[in-house]
PDB file of all heavy atoms in Angstrom:
ATOM      1  N   ALA A   1       0.860  -1.189  -0.005  1.00  0.00           N
ATOM      2  CA  ALA A   1      -0.001   0.012   0.002  1.00  0.00           C
ATOM      3  C   ALA A   1       0.891   1.241  -0.003  1.00  0.00           C
ATOM      4  O   ALA A   1       1.474   1.576   1.028  1.00  0.00           O
ATOM      5  CB  ALA A   1      -0.903  -0.006   1.211  1.00  0.00           C
ATOM      6  N   GLY A   2       1.045   1.871  -1.131  1.00  0.00           N
ATOM      7  CA  GLY A   2       1.979   2.958  -1.253  1.00  0.00           C
ATOM      8  C   GLY A   2       3.389   2.482  -0.984  1.00  0.00           C
ATOM      9  O   GLY A   2       3.872   1.561  -1.646  1.00  0.00           O
ATOM     10  N   ASN A   3       4.046   3.102  -0.029  1.00  0.00           N
ATOM     11  CA  ASN A   3       5.405   2.698   0.339  1.00  0.00           C
ATOM     12  C   ASN A   3       5.423   1.655   1.464  1.00  0.00           C
ATOM     13  O   ASN A   3       6.518   1.295   1.945  1.00  0.00           O
ATOM     14  CB  ASN A   3       6.228   3.928   0.778  1.00  0.00           C
ATOM     15  CG  ASN A   3       6.435   4.903  -0.349  1.00  0.00           C
ATOM     16  OD1 ASN A   3       6.616   4.502  -1.494  1.00  0.00           O
ATOM     17  ND2 ASN A   3       6.398   6.191  -0.044  1.00  0.00           N
ATOM     18  N   HIS A   4       4.262   1.189   1.861  1.00  0.00           N
ATOM     19  CA  HIS A   4       4.163   0.246   2.972  1.00  0.00           C
ATOM     20  C   HIS A   4       4.027  -1.179   2.422  1.00  0.00           C
ATOM     21  O   HIS A   4       3.152  -1.447   1.598  1.00  0.00           O
ATOM     22  CB  HIS A   4       2.960   0.574   3.855  1.00  0.00           C
ATOM     23  CG  HIS A   4       3.038   1.907   4.499  1.00  0.00           C
ATOM     24  ND1 HIS A   4       3.564   2.124   5.762  1.00  0.00           N
ATOM     25  CD2 HIS A   4       2.611   3.136   4.068  1.00  0.00           C
ATOM     26  CE1 HIS A   4       3.464   3.406   6.043  1.00  0.00           C
ATOM     27  NE2 HIS A   4       2.902   4.041   5.046  1.00  0.00           N
ATOM     28  N   VAL A   5       4.865  -2.075   2.926  1.00  0.00           N
ATOM     29  CA  VAL A   5       4.720  -3.483   2.610  1.00  0.00           C
ATOM     30  C   VAL A   5       4.011  -4.140   3.812  1.00  0.00           C
ATOM     31  O   VAL A   5       4.590  -4.183   4.915  1.00  0.00           O
ATOM     32  CB  VAL A   5       6.062  -4.151   2.375  1.00  0.00           C
ATOM     33  CG1 VAL A   5       5.870  -5.641   2.098  1.00  0.00           C
ATOM     34  CG2 VAL A   5       6.787  -3.481   1.202  1.00  0.00           C
ATOM     35  N   LEU A   6       2.809  -4.595   3.609  1.00  0.00           N
ATOM     36  CA  LEU A   6       1.997  -5.098   4.707  1.00  0.00           C
ATOM     37  C   LEU A   6       2.177  -6.612   4.852  1.00  0.00           C
ATOM     38  O   LEU A   6       1.262  -7.394   4.615  1.00  0.00           O
ATOM     39  CB  LEU A   6       0.511  -4.728   4.466  1.00  0.00           C
ATOM     40  CG  LEU A   6       0.254  -3.268   4.163  1.00  0.00           C
ATOM     41  CD1 LEU A   6      -1.233  -3.040   3.873  1.00  0.00           C
ATOM     42  CD2 LEU A   6       0.729  -2.368   5.279  1.00  0.00           C
ATOM     43  N   ASP A   7       3.410  -6.998   5.246  1.00  0.00           N
ATOM     44  CA  ASP A   7       3.711  -8.413   5.286  1.00  0.00           C
ATOM     45  C   ASP A   7       3.385  -9.070   6.636  1.00  0.00           C
ATOM     46  O   ASP A   7       3.398 -10.318   6.715  1.00  0.00           O
ATOM     47  CB  ASP A   7       5.186  -8.621   4.971  1.00  0.00           C
ATOM     48  CG  ASP A   7       6.119  -7.774   5.845  1.00  0.00           C
ATOM     49  OD1 ASP A   7       5.623  -6.887   6.552  1.00  0.00           O
ATOM     50  OD2 ASP A   7       7.333  -8.033   5.814  1.00  0.00           O
ATOM     51  N   THR A   8       3.068  -8.287   7.651  1.00  0.00           N
ATOM     52  CA  THR A   8       2.663  -8.852   8.941  1.00  0.00           C
ATOM     53  C   THR A   8       1.503  -8.036   9.482  1.00  0.00           C
ATOM     54  O   THR A   8       1.218  -6.910   9.016  1.00  0.00           O
ATOM     55  CB  THR A   8       3.818  -8.744   9.956  1.00  0.00           C
ATOM     56  OG1 THR A   8       4.094  -7.357  10.235  1.00  0.00           O
ATOM     57  CG2 THR A   8       5.067  -9.442   9.461  1.00  0.00           C
ATOM     58  N   THR A   9       0.809  -8.590  10.467  1.00  0.00           N
ATOM     59  CA  THR A   9      -0.297  -7.832  11.076  1.00  0.00           C
ATOM     60  C   THR A   9       0.247  -6.617  11.870  1.00  0.00           C
ATOM     61  O   THR A   9      -0.448  -5.635  12.013  1.00  0.00           O
ATOM     62  CB  THR A   9      -1.159  -8.705  11.969  1.00  0.00           C
ATOM     63  OG1 THR A   9      -0.351  -9.439  12.891  1.00  0.00           O
ATOM     64  CG2 THR A   9      -2.007  -9.663  11.169  1.00  0.00           C
ATOM     65  N   ASP A  10       1.481  -6.730  12.368  1.00  0.00           N
ATOM     66  CA  ASP A  10       2.092  -5.554  13.012  1.00  0.00           C
ATOM     67  C   ASP A  10       2.198  -4.393  12.003  1.00  0.00           C
ATOM     68  O   ASP A  10       1.839  -3.245  12.315  1.00  0.00           O
ATOM     69  CB  ASP A  10       3.469  -5.900  13.568  1.00  0.00           C
ATOM     70  CG  ASP A  10       3.383  -6.886  14.738  1.00  0.00           C
ATOM     71  OD1 ASP A  10       3.103  -8.058  14.490  1.00  0.00           O
ATOM     72  OD2 ASP A  10       3.620  -6.458  15.869  1.00  0.00           O
ATOM     73  N   ALA A  11       2.681  -4.706  10.818  1.00  0.00           N
ATOM     74  CA  ALA A  11       2.807  -3.698   9.755  1.00  0.00           C
ATOM     75  C   ALA A  11       1.440  -3.180   9.324  1.00  0.00           C
ATOM     76  O   ALA A  11       1.267  -1.982   9.084  1.00  0.00           O
ATOM     77  CB  ALA A  11       3.570  -4.274   8.578  1.00  0.00           C
ATOM     78  N   LEU A  12       0.468  -4.083   9.250  1.00  0.00           N
ATOM     79  CA  LEU A  12      -0.882  -3.682   8.839  1.00  0.00           C
ATOM     80  C   LEU A  12      -1.485  -2.727   9.891  1.00  0.00           C
ATOM     81  O   LEU A  12      -2.076  -1.716   9.523  1.00  0.00           O
ATOM     82  CB  LEU A  12      -1.759  -4.914   8.684  1.00  0.00           C
ATOM     83  CG  LEU A  12      -3.223  -4.671   8.312  1.00  0.00           C
ATOM     84  CD1 LEU A  12      -3.316  -4.104   6.897  1.00  0.00           C
ATOM     85  CD2 LEU A  12      -4.027  -5.969   8.412  1.00  0.00           C
ATOM     86  N   CYS A  13      -1.329  -3.054  11.171  1.00  0.00           N
ATOM     87  CA  CYS A  13      -1.901  -2.196  12.216  1.00  0.00           C
ATOM     88  C   CYS A  13      -1.219  -0.855  12.252  1.00  0.00           C
ATOM     89  O   CYS A  13      -1.868   0.187  12.446  1.00  0.00           O
ATOM     90  CB  CYS A  13      -1.795  -2.898  13.574  1.00  0.00           C
ATOM     91  SG  CYS A  13      -2.917  -4.279  13.764  1.00  0.00           S
ATOM     92  N   ASP A  14       0.116  -0.827  12.078  1.00  0.00           N
ATOM     93  CA  ASP A  14       0.813   0.444  12.012  1.00  0.00           C
ATOM     94  C   ASP A  14       0.297   1.307  10.849  1.00  0.00           C
ATOM     95  O   ASP A  14       0.113   2.519  10.979  1.00  0.00           O
ATOM     96  CB  ASP A  14       2.326   0.219  11.852  1.00  0.00           C
ATOM     97  CG  ASP A  14       2.982  -0.158  13.157  1.00  0.00           C
ATOM     98  OD1 ASP A  14       2.438   0.149  14.233  1.00  0.00           O
ATOM     99  OD2 ASP A  14       4.059  -0.817  13.106  1.00  0.00           O
ATOM    100  N   TRP A  15       0.116   0.665   9.703  1.00  0.00           N
ATOM    101  CA  TRP A  15      -0.396   1.371   8.525  1.00  0.00           C
ATOM    102  C   TRP A  15      -1.821   1.921   8.738  1.00  0.00           C
ATOM    103  O   TRP A  15      -2.103   3.059   8.409  1.00  0.00           O
ATOM    104  CB  TRP A  15      -0.346   0.450   7.311  1.00  0.00           C
ATOM    105  CG  TRP A  15      -0.946   0.980   6.080  1.00  0.00           C
ATOM    106  CD1 TRP A  15      -0.474   1.966   5.267  1.00  0.00           C
ATOM    107  CD2 TRP A  15      -2.185   0.519   5.469  1.00  0.00           C
ATOM    108  NE1 TRP A  15      -1.319   2.158   4.186  1.00  0.00           N
ATOM    109  CE2 TRP A  15      -2.362   1.281   4.294  1.00  0.00           C
ATOM    110  CE3 TRP A  15      -3.092  -0.453   5.805  1.00  0.00           C
ATOM    111  CZ2 TRP A  15      -3.468   1.111   3.463  1.00  0.00           C
ATOM    112  CZ3 TRP A  15      -4.224  -0.654   4.977  1.00  0.00           C
ATOM    113  CH2 TRP A  15      -4.399   0.135   3.820  1.00  0.00           C
ATOM    114  N   LEU A  16      -2.674   1.086   9.331  1.00  0.00           N
ATOM    115  CA  LEU A  16      -4.055   1.539   9.604  1.00  0.00           C
ATOM    116  C   LEU A  16      -4.033   2.777  10.523  1.00  0.00           C
ATOM    117  O   LEU A  16      -4.850   3.699  10.379  1.00  0.00           O
ATOM    118  CB  LEU A  16      -4.862   0.424  10.239  1.00  0.00           C
ATOM    119  CG  LEU A  16      -5.385  -0.685   9.313  1.00  0.00           C
ATOM    120  CD1 LEU A  16      -6.033  -1.808  10.133  1.00  0.00           C
ATOM    121  CD2 LEU A  16      -6.395  -0.103   8.304  1.00  0.00           C
ATOM    122  N   LEU A  17      -3.116   2.766  11.484  1.00  0.00           N
ATOM    123  CA  LEU A  17      -3.040   3.901  12.408  1.00  0.00           C
ATOM    124  C   LEU A  17      -2.427   5.128  11.733  1.00  0.00           C
ATOM    125  O   LEU A  17      -2.995   6.217  11.805  1.00  0.00           O
ATOM    126  CB  LEU A  17      -2.206   3.496  13.650  1.00  0.00           C
ATOM    127  CG  LEU A  17      -1.991   4.597  14.700  1.00  0.00           C
ATOM    128  CD1 LEU A  17      -3.320   5.172  15.180  1.00  0.00           C
ATOM    129  CD2 LEU A  17      -1.194   4.068  15.862  1.00  0.00           C
ATOM    130  N   ASP A  18      -1.313   4.945  11.075  1.00  0.00           N
ATOM    131  CA  ASP A  18      -0.602   6.104  10.487  1.00  0.00           C
ATOM    132  C   ASP A  18      -1.369   6.739   9.350  1.00  0.00           C
ATOM    133  O   ASP A  18      -1.416   7.977   9.251  1.00  0.00           O
ATOM    134  CB  ASP A  18       0.770   5.643   9.981  1.00  0.00           C
ATOM    135  CG  ASP A  18       1.734   5.269  11.105  1.00  0.00           C
ATOM    136  OD1 ASP A  18       1.570   5.790  12.197  1.00  0.00           O
ATOM    137  OD2 ASP A  18       2.626   4.403  10.876  1.00  0.00           O
ATOM    138  N   GLU A  19      -1.941   5.898   8.478  1.00  0.00           N
ATOM    139  CA  GLU A  19      -2.537   6.425   7.268  1.00  0.00           C
ATOM    140  C   GLU A  19      -4.066   6.624   7.389  1.00  0.00           C
ATOM    141  O   GLU A  19      -4.657   7.454   6.671  1.00  0.00           O
ATOM    142  CB  GLU A  19      -2.267   5.503   6.098  1.00  0.00           C
ATOM    143  CG  GLU A  19      -0.779   5.293   5.832  1.00  0.00           C
ATOM    144  CD  GLU A  19      -0.068   6.584   5.423  1.00  0.00           C
ATOM    145  OE1 GLU A  19      -0.730   7.431   4.777  1.00  0.00           O
ATOM    146  OE2 GLU A  19       1.130   6.741   5.738  1.00  0.00           O
ATOM    147  N   HIS A  20      -4.705   5.866   8.252  1.00  0.00           N
ATOM    148  CA  HIS A  20      -6.174   5.939   8.318  1.00  0.00           C
ATOM    149  C   HIS A  20      -6.718   6.239   9.717  1.00  0.00           C
ATOM    150  O   HIS A  20      -7.931   6.298   9.927  1.00  0.00           O
ATOM    151  CB  HIS A  20      -6.760   4.594   7.790  1.00  0.00           C
ATOM    152  CG  HIS A  20      -6.323   4.291   6.410  1.00  0.00           C
ATOM    153  ND1 HIS A  20      -6.984   4.819   5.308  1.00  0.00           N
ATOM    154  CD2 HIS A  20      -5.314   3.536   5.920  1.00  0.00           C
ATOM    155  CE1 HIS A  20      -6.408   4.386   4.211  1.00  0.00           C
ATOM    156  NE2 HIS A  20      -5.365   3.602   4.549  1.00  0.00           N
ATOM    157  N   HIS A  21      -5.807   6.382  10.681  1.00  0.00           N
ATOM    158  CA  HIS A  21      -6.115   6.861  12.024  1.00  0.00           C
ATOM    159  C   HIS A  21      -7.134   5.937  12.758  1.00  0.00           C
ATOM    160  O   HIS A  21      -8.013   6.421  13.445  1.00  0.00           O
ATOM    161  CB  HIS A  21      -6.631   8.290  12.005  1.00  0.00           C
ATOM    162  CG  HIS A  21      -5.555   9.260  11.596  1.00  0.00           C
ATOM    163  ND1 HIS A  21      -5.825  10.581  11.254  1.00  0.00           N
ATOM    164  CD2 HIS A  21      -4.193   9.110  11.480  1.00  0.00           C
ATOM    165  CE1 HIS A  21      -4.674  11.176  10.940  1.00  0.00           C
ATOM    166  NE2 HIS A  21      -3.683  10.306  11.068  1.00  0.00           N
ATOM    167  N   VAL A  22      -6.962   4.630  12.584  1.00  0.00           N
ATOM    168  CA  VAL A  22      -7.683   3.627  13.340  1.00  0.00           C
ATOM    169  C   VAL A  22      -6.666   2.767  14.092  1.00  0.00           C
ATOM    170  O   VAL A  22      -5.797   2.154  13.439  1.00  0.00           O
ATOM    171  CB  VAL A  22      -8.580   2.737  12.441  1.00  0.00           C
ATOM    172  CG1 VAL A  22      -9.290   1.671  13.317  1.00  0.00           C
ATOM    173  CG2 VAL A  22      -9.577   3.572  11.680  1.00  0.00           C
ATOM    174  N   ALA A  23      -6.736   2.771  15.410  1.00  0.00           N
ATOM    175  CA  ALA A  23      -5.777   2.043  16.217  1.00  0.00           C
ATOM    176  C   ALA A  23      -6.341   0.669  16.581  1.00  0.00           C
ATOM    177  O   ALA A  23      -7.387   0.556  17.235  1.00  0.00           O
ATOM    178  CB  ALA A  23      -5.423   2.793  17.466  1.00  0.00           C
ATOM    179  N   THR A  24      -5.653  -0.393  16.156  1.00  0.00           N
ATOM    180  CA  THR A  24      -6.027  -1.769  16.473  1.00  0.00           C
ATOM    181  C   THR A  24      -4.795  -2.452  17.077  1.00  0.00           C
ATOM    182  O   THR A  24      -3.745  -1.837  17.214  1.00  0.00           O
ATOM    183  CB  THR A  24      -6.515  -2.491  15.239  1.00  0.00           C
ATOM    184  OG1 THR A  24      -5.466  -2.462  14.233  1.00  0.00           O
ATOM    185  CG2 THR A  24      -7.770  -1.848  14.633  1.00  0.00           C
ATOM    186  N   VAL A  25      -4.926  -3.749  17.387  1.00  0.00           N
ATOM    187  CA  VAL A  25      -3.779  -4.463  17.992  1.00  0.00           C
ATOM    188  C   VAL A  25      -3.469  -5.697  17.131  1.00  0.00           C
ATOM    189  O   VAL A  25      -4.401  -6.475  16.834  1.00  0.00           O
ATOM    190  CB  VAL A  25      -4.098  -4.888  19.425  1.00  0.00           C
ATOM    191  CG1 VAL A  25      -2.865  -5.620  20.039  1.00  0.00           C
ATOM    192  CG2 VAL A  25      -4.492  -3.699  20.293  1.00  0.00           C
ATOM    193  N   PRO A  26      -2.214  -5.892  16.750  1.00  0.00           N
ATOM    194  CA  PRO A  26      -1.899  -7.089  15.972  1.00  0.00           C
ATOM    195  C   PRO A  26      -2.059  -8.380  16.743  1.00  0.00           C
ATOM    196  O   PRO A  26      -1.823  -8.410  17.965  1.00  0.00           O
ATOM    197  CB  PRO A  26      -0.416  -6.865  15.593  1.00  0.00           C
ATOM    198  CG  PRO A  26       0.104  -5.909  16.613  1.00  0.00           C
ATOM    199  CD  PRO A  26      -1.058  -5.036  16.969  1.00  0.00           C
ATOM    200  N   GLY A  27      -2.470  -9.427  16.053  1.00  0.00           N
ATOM    201  CA  GLY A  27      -2.728 -10.696  16.712  1.00  0.00           C
ATOM    202  C   GLY A  27      -1.498 -11.377  17.283  1.00  0.00           C
ATOM    203  O   GLY A  27      -1.629 -12.322  18.088  1.00  0.00           O
ATOM    204  N   THR A  28      -0.296 -10.896  16.946  1.00  0.00           N
ATOM    205  CA  THR A  28       0.922 -11.457  17.543  1.00  0.00           C
ATOM    206  C   THR A  28       0.865 -11.360  19.047  1.00  0.00           C
ATOM    207  O   THR A  28       1.451 -12.202  19.728  1.00  0.00           O
ATOM    208  CB  THR A  28       2.153 -10.735  17.010  1.00  0.00           C
ATOM    209  OG1 THR A  28       1.947  -9.318  17.026  1.00  0.00           O
ATOM    210  CG2 THR A  28       2.445 -11.129  15.574  1.00  0.00           C
ATOM    211  N   ALA A  29       0.189 -10.347  19.586  1.00  0.00           N
ATOM    212  CA  ALA A  29       0.110 -10.161  21.035  1.00  0.00           C
ATOM    213  C   ALA A  29      -0.689 -11.271  21.674  1.00  0.00           C
ATOM    214  O   ALA A  29      -0.593 -11.501  22.873  1.00  0.00           O
ATOM    215  CB  ALA A  29      -0.515  -8.802  21.361  1.00  0.00           C
ATOM    216  N   PHE A  30      -1.505 -11.966  20.880  1.00  0.00           N
ATOM    217  CA  PHE A  30      -2.438 -12.983  21.400  1.00  0.00           C
ATOM    218  C   PHE A  30      -2.146 -14.376  20.882  1.00  0.00           C
ATOM    219  O   PHE A  30      -2.987 -15.261  21.001  1.00  0.00           O
ATOM    220  CB  PHE A  30      -3.868 -12.571  21.048  1.00  0.00           C
ATOM    221  CG  PHE A  30      -4.224 -11.159  21.423  1.00  0.00           C
ATOM    222  CD1 PHE A  30      -4.181 -10.145  20.454  1.00  0.00           C
ATOM    223  CD2 PHE A  30      -4.590 -10.850  22.719  1.00  0.00           C
ATOM    224  CE1 PHE A  30      -4.483  -8.831  20.794  1.00  0.00           C
ATOM    225  CE2 PHE A  30      -4.911  -9.527  23.066  1.00  0.00           C
ATOM    226  CZ  PHE A  30      -4.835  -8.547  22.101  1.00  0.00           C
ATOM    227  N   GLY A  31      -0.942 -14.542  20.331  1.00  0.00           N
ATOM    228  CA  GLY A  31      -0.586 -15.836  19.822  1.00  0.00           C
ATOM    229  C   GLY A  31      -1.239 -16.222  18.518  1.00  0.00           C
ATOM    230  O   GLY A  31      -1.275 -17.400  18.167  1.00  0.00           O
ATOM    231  N   ALA A  32      -1.747 -15.248  17.791  1.00  0.00           N
ATOM    232  CA  ALA A  32      -2.441 -15.497  16.507  1.00  0.00           C
ATOM    233  C   ALA A  32      -2.028 -14.428  15.492  1.00  0.00           C
ATOM    234  O   ALA A  32      -2.766 -13.451  15.285  1.00  0.00           O
ATOM    235  CB  ALA A  32      -3.973 -15.512  16.727  1.00  0.00           C
ATOM    236  N   PRO A  33      -0.855 -14.572  14.854  1.00  0.00           N
ATOM    237  CA  PRO A  33      -0.316 -13.492  14.045  1.00  0.00           C
ATOM    238  C   PRO A  33      -1.073 -13.206  12.780  1.00  0.00           C
ATOM    239  O   PRO A  33      -0.762 -12.216  12.110  1.00  0.00           O
ATOM    240  CB  PRO A  33       1.110 -13.998  13.742  1.00  0.00           C
ATOM    241  CG  PRO A  33       1.044 -15.490  13.913  1.00  0.00           C
ATOM    242  CD  PRO A  33       0.060 -15.734  14.996  1.00  0.00           C
ATOM    243  N   GLY A  34      -2.083 -13.988  12.412  1.00  0.00           N
ATOM    244  CA  GLY A  34      -2.835 -13.674  11.194  1.00  0.00           C
ATOM    245  C   GLY A  34      -4.083 -12.850  11.436  1.00  0.00           C
ATOM    246  O   GLY A  34      -4.798 -12.532  10.494  1.00  0.00           O
ATOM    247  N   SER A  35      -4.335 -12.456  12.676  1.00  0.00           N
ATOM    248  CA  SER A  35      -5.543 -11.706  13.013  1.00  0.00           C
ATOM    249  C   SER A  35      -5.177 -10.389  13.672  1.00  0.00           C
ATOM    250  O   SER A  35      -4.039 -10.144  14.033  1.00  0.00           O
ATOM    251  CB  SER A  35      -6.427 -12.506  13.972  1.00  0.00           C
ATOM    252  OG  SER A  35      -6.878 -13.730  13.393  1.00  0.00           O
ATOM    253  N   ILE A  36      -6.199  -9.535  13.813  1.00  0.00           N
ATOM    254  CA  ILE A  36      -6.034  -8.279  14.581  1.00  0.00           C
ATOM    255  C   ILE A  36      -7.196  -8.170  15.543  1.00  0.00           C
ATOM    256  O   ILE A  36      -8.271  -8.722  15.310  1.00  0.00           O
ATOM    257  CB  ILE A  36      -5.966  -7.022  13.651  1.00  0.00           C
ATOM    258  CG1 ILE A  36      -7.287  -6.863  12.880  1.00  0.00           C
ATOM    259  CG2 ILE A  36      -4.805  -7.107  12.718  1.00  0.00           C
ATOM    260  CD1 ILE A  36      -7.349  -5.570  12.045  1.00  0.00           C
ATOM    261  N   ARG A  37      -6.970  -7.452  16.641  1.00  0.00           N
ATOM    262  CA  ARG A  37      -8.038  -7.277  17.620  1.00  0.00           C
ATOM    263  C   ARG A  37      -8.556  -5.854  17.639  1.00  0.00           C
ATOM    264  O   ARG A  37      -7.786  -4.903  17.603  1.00  0.00           O
ATOM    265  CB  ARG A  37      -7.599  -7.632  19.052  1.00  0.00           C
ATOM    266  CG  ARG A  37      -8.770  -7.743  20.037  1.00  0.00           C
ATOM    267  CD  ARG A  37      -8.331  -7.864  21.476  1.00  0.00           C
ATOM    268  NE  ARG A  37      -7.904  -6.548  22.034  1.00  0.00           N
ATOM    269  CZ  ARG A  37      -7.710  -6.353  23.336  1.00  0.00           C
ATOM    270  NH1 ARG A  37      -7.806  -7.354  24.196  1.00  0.00           N
ATOM    271  NH2 ARG A  37      -7.325  -5.143  23.743  1.00  0.00           N
ATOM    272  N   LEU A  38      -9.880  -5.732  17.660  1.00  0.00           N
ATOM    273  CA  LEU A  38     -10.523  -4.452  17.791  1.00  0.00           C
ATOM    274  C   LEU A  38     -11.417  -4.493  19.052  1.00  0.00           C
ATOM    275  O   LEU A  38     -12.246  -5.418  19.198  1.00  0.00           O
ATOM    276  CB  LEU A  38     -11.430  -4.136  16.587  1.00  0.00           C
ATOM    277  CG  LEU A  38     -10.785  -3.972  15.204  1.00  0.00           C
ATOM    278  CD1 LEU A  38     -10.530  -5.330  14.558  1.00  0.00           C
ATOM    279  CD2 LEU A  38     -11.694  -3.141  14.297  1.00  0.00           C
ATOM    280  N   SER A  39     -11.257  -3.547  19.914  1.00  0.00           N
ATOM    281  CA  SER A  39     -12.157  -3.428  21.064  1.00  0.00           C
ATOM    282  C   SER A  39     -13.298  -2.479  20.688  1.00  0.00           C
ATOM    283  O   SER A  39     -13.049  -1.336  20.269  1.00  0.00           O
ATOM    284  CB  SER A  39     -11.413  -2.863  22.281  1.00  0.00           C
ATOM    285  OG  SER A  39     -12.311  -2.497  23.302  1.00  0.00           O
TER     286      SER A  39
END
């Protein structure tokens, strides 16, 4: 996405926050690196 390579959920969550101003949590924190958590 632009100059961002979204190869992990950590990268995806950073991109969502930086470019679209939505803060989520990568699933790596919960032992599931293919998902993201939204409260």
